[in-house]
């Protein structure tokens, strides 16, 4: 499949919008994905391993929302896609935001 390895659009750090990031982080499932990426020992995680038991279509929607807001990077790697948290870029653009959001439970 040629389409599975194509690059997806990611916003540049200077184009990140606070309300878009906050919206992406406002959904409990998306926040759980970001928490998993932030707490994990791996810098990049295969898409299939993100989101636990949620259906593939729902996972894809959540990953797209997070990517378009600039929270994660989703890149092709062979026949898979790898997801990583854009923590350094988010911390540069919105200092302390991720720490504050991820530090709160419930």
C-alpha atoms as a PDB file:
ATOM      1  CA  UNK A   1       0.000   0.000   0.000  1.00  0.00           C
ATOM      2  CA  UNK A   2       1.674   3.159  -1.142  1.00  0.00           C
ATOM      3  CA  UNK A   3      -0.715   5.356   0.868  1.00  0.00           C
ATOM      4  CA  UNK A   4       0.204   3.832   4.225  1.00  0.00           C
ATOM      5  CA  UNK A   5       3.693   5.347   4.167  1.00  0.00           C
ATOM      6  CA  UNK A   6       2.731   8.882   3.224  1.00  0.00           C
ATOM      7  CA  UNK A   7       3.638  11.743   5.526  1.00  0.00           C
ATOM      8  CA  UNK A   8       0.840  13.390   7.459  1.00  0.00           C
ATOM      9  CA  UNK A   9       0.663  17.146   7.990  1.00  0.00           C
ATOM     10  CA  UNK A  10       1.857  18.405  11.369  1.00  0.00           C
ATOM     11  CA  UNK A  11       1.571  22.053  12.409  1.00  0.00           C
ATOM     12  CA  UNK A  12       4.803  23.963  12.966  1.00  0.00           C
ATOM     13  CA  UNK A  13       5.454  24.845  16.598  1.00  0.00           C
ATOM     14  CA  UNK A  14       4.859  28.555  15.949  1.00  0.00           C
ATOM     15  CA  UNK A  15       1.440  27.696  14.494  1.00  0.00           C
ATOM     16  CA  UNK A  16       0.217  25.780  17.561  1.00  0.00           C
ATOM     17  CA  UNK A  17      -2.947  27.342  19.005  1.00  0.00           C
ATOM     18  CA  UNK A  18      -3.626  27.027  22.723  1.00  0.00           C
ATOM     19  CA  UNK A  19      -7.375  26.464  22.317  1.00  0.00           C
ATOM     20  CA  UNK A  20      -6.742  23.661  19.788  1.00  0.00           C
ATOM     21  CA  UNK A  21      -4.291  21.958  22.148  1.00  0.00           C
ATOM     22  CA  UNK A  22      -6.672  22.303  25.102  1.00  0.00           C
ATOM     23  CA  UNK A  23      -9.569  20.939  23.042  1.00  0.00           C
ATOM     24  CA  UNK A  24      -7.475  17.938  21.985  1.00  0.00           C
ATOM     25  CA  UNK A  25      -6.552  17.275  25.608  1.00  0.00           C
ATOM     26  CA  UNK A  26     -10.119  17.740  26.888  1.00  0.00           C
ATOM     27  CA  UNK A  27     -11.321  14.275  25.829  1.00  0.00           C
ATOM     28  CA  UNK A  28     -10.600  11.560  28.431  1.00  0.00           C
ATOM     29  CA  UNK A  29      -9.492   9.019  25.784  1.00  0.00           C
ATOM     30  CA  UNK A  30      -7.123  11.480  24.117  1.00  0.00           C
ATOM     31  CA  UNK A  31      -5.779  12.566  27.484  1.00  0.00           C
ATOM     32  CA  UNK A  32      -5.147   8.903  28.336  1.00  0.00           C
ATOM     33  CA  UNK A  33      -3.197   8.504  25.080  1.00  0.00           C
ATOM     34  CA  UNK A  34      -1.073  11.554  25.894  1.00  0.00           C
ATOM     35  CA  UNK A  35      -0.514  10.330  29.466  1.00  0.00           C
ATOM     36  CA  UNK A  36       0.632   6.974  28.131  1.00  0.00           C
ATOM     37  CA  UNK A  37       3.069   8.642  25.754  1.00  0.00           C
ATOM     38  CA  UNK A  38       4.326  10.997  28.480  1.00  0.00           C
ATOM     39  CA  UNK A  39       4.840   8.214  31.040  1.00  0.00           C
ATOM     40  CA  UNK A  40       6.190   5.593  28.685  1.00  0.00           C
ATOM     41  CA  UNK A  41       9.804   4.668  28.403  1.00  0.00           C
ATOM     42  CA  UNK A  42       9.543   4.586  24.610  1.00  0.00           C
ATOM     43  CA  UNK A  43       9.860   7.812  22.698  1.00  0.00           C
ATOM     44  CA  UNK A  44       7.762   6.445  19.846  1.00  0.00           C
ATOM     45  CA  UNK A  45       4.966   3.899  20.019  1.00  0.00           C
ATOM     46  CA  UNK A  46       3.295   2.021  17.131  1.00  0.00           C
ATOM     47  CA  UNK A  47      -0.230   3.310  16.443  1.00  0.00           C
ATOM     48  CA  UNK A  48      -1.755  -0.115  17.139  1.00  0.00           C
ATOM     49  CA  UNK A  49      -0.475  -0.006  20.732  1.00  0.00           C
ATOM     50  CA  UNK A  50      -2.102   3.345  21.500  1.00  0.00           C
ATOM     51  CA  UNK A  51      -5.606   3.605  22.876  1.00  0.00           C
ATOM     52  CA  UNK A  52      -6.031   0.202  24.499  1.00  0.00           C
ATOM     53  CA  UNK A  53      -9.355  -1.434  23.734  1.00  0.00           C
ATOM     54  CA  UNK A  54     -10.959   1.367  21.713  1.00  0.00           C
ATOM     55  CA  UNK A  55     -12.038   0.552  18.140  1.00  0.00           C
ATOM     56  CA  UNK A  56      -9.559   1.307  15.360  1.00  0.00           C
ATOM     57  CA  UNK A  57     -11.765   4.022  13.831  1.00  0.00           C
ATOM     58  CA  UNK A  58     -12.119   5.791  17.190  1.00  0.00           C
ATOM     59  CA  UNK A  59      -8.374   5.526  17.832  1.00  0.00           C
ATOM     60  CA  UNK A  60      -7.689   6.986  14.382  1.00  0.00           C
ATOM     61  CA  UNK A  61     -10.017   9.908  15.094  1.00  0.00           C
ATOM     62  CA  UNK A  62      -8.333  10.628  18.432  1.00  0.00           C
ATOM     63  CA  UNK A  63      -4.845  10.418  16.921  1.00  0.00           C
ATOM     64  CA  UNK A  64      -5.880  12.752  14.089  1.00  0.00           C
ATOM     65  CA  UNK A  65      -7.280  15.299  16.554  1.00  0.00           C
ATOM     66  CA  UNK A  66      -4.093  15.178  18.639  1.00  0.00           C
ATOM     67  CA  UNK A  67      -1.873  15.413  15.543  1.00  0.00           C
ATOM     68  CA  UNK A  68      -3.772  18.326  14.006  1.00  0.00           C
ATOM     69  CA  UNK A  69      -3.567  20.220  17.320  1.00  0.00           C
ATOM     70  CA  UNK A  70       0.188  19.613  17.392  1.00  0.00           C
ATOM     71  CA  UNK A  71       0.205  17.431  20.500  1.00  0.00           C
ATOM     72  CA  UNK A  72       1.640  14.318  18.839  1.00  0.00           C
ATOM     73  CA  UNK A  73       3.718  13.427  15.804  1.00  0.00           C
ATOM     74  CA  UNK A  74       2.541  10.491  13.670  1.00  0.00           C
ATOM     75  CA  UNK A  75       5.159   9.278  11.183  1.00  0.00           C
ATOM     76  CA  UNK A  76       5.454   6.346   8.806  1.00  0.00           C
ATOM     77  CA  UNK A  77       7.938   3.618   9.661  1.00  0.00           C
ATOM     78  CA  UNK A  78       7.868   0.772   7.183  1.00  0.00           C
ATOM     79  CA  UNK A  79       4.358  -0.684   7.160  1.00  0.00           C
ATOM     80  CA  UNK A  80       3.482   0.934  10.497  1.00  0.00           C
ATOM     81  CA  UNK A  81       3.052   4.439  11.830  1.00  0.00           C
ATOM     82  CA  UNK A  82       4.738   5.596  15.012  1.00  0.00           C
ATOM     83  CA  UNK A  83       3.292   8.120  17.430  1.00  0.00           C
ATOM     84  CA  UNK A  84       5.312  10.380  19.711  1.00  0.00           C
ATOM     85  CA  UNK A  85       4.467  13.207  22.066  1.00  0.00           C
ATOM     86  CA  UNK A  86       5.738  16.619  20.952  1.00  0.00           C
ATOM     87  CA  UNK A  87       6.575  17.478  24.553  1.00  0.00           C
ATOM     88  CA  UNK A  88       9.633  19.671  23.934  1.00  0.00           C
ATOM     89  CA  UNK A  89       7.835  21.673  21.249  1.00  0.00           C
ATOM     90  CA  UNK A  90       4.710  22.066  23.400  1.00  0.00           C
ATOM     91  CA  UNK A  91       6.830  23.084  26.400  1.00  0.00           C
ATOM     92  CA  UNK A  92       8.613  25.691  24.260  1.00  0.00           C
ATOM     93  CA  UNK A  93       5.341  27.124  22.929  1.00  0.00           C
ATOM     94  CA  UNK A  94       3.231  26.803  26.117  1.00  0.00           C
ATOM     95  CA  UNK A  95       5.614  26.473  29.100  1.00  0.00           C
ATOM     96  CA  UNK A  96       4.175  24.335  31.898  1.00  0.00           C
ATOM     97  CA  UNK A  97       0.957  23.413  30.064  1.00  0.00           C
ATOM     98  CA  UNK A  98       1.559  19.673  29.730  1.00  0.00           C
ATOM     99  CA  UNK A  99       2.900  19.425  33.261  1.00  0.00           C
ATOM    100  CA  UNK A 100      -0.219  21.141  34.575  1.00  0.00           C
ATOM    101  CA  UNK A 101      -2.671  19.119  32.481  1.00  0.00           C
ATOM    102  CA  UNK A 102      -0.987  15.758  32.983  1.00  0.00           C
ATOM    103  CA  UNK A 103      -0.475  16.388  36.689  1.00  0.00           C
ATOM    104  CA  UNK A 104      -4.207  16.571  37.341  1.00  0.00           C
ATOM    105  CA  UNK A 105      -6.245  13.421  37.763  1.00  0.00           C
ATOM    106  CA  UNK A 106      -9.865  12.999  36.761  1.00  0.00           C
END
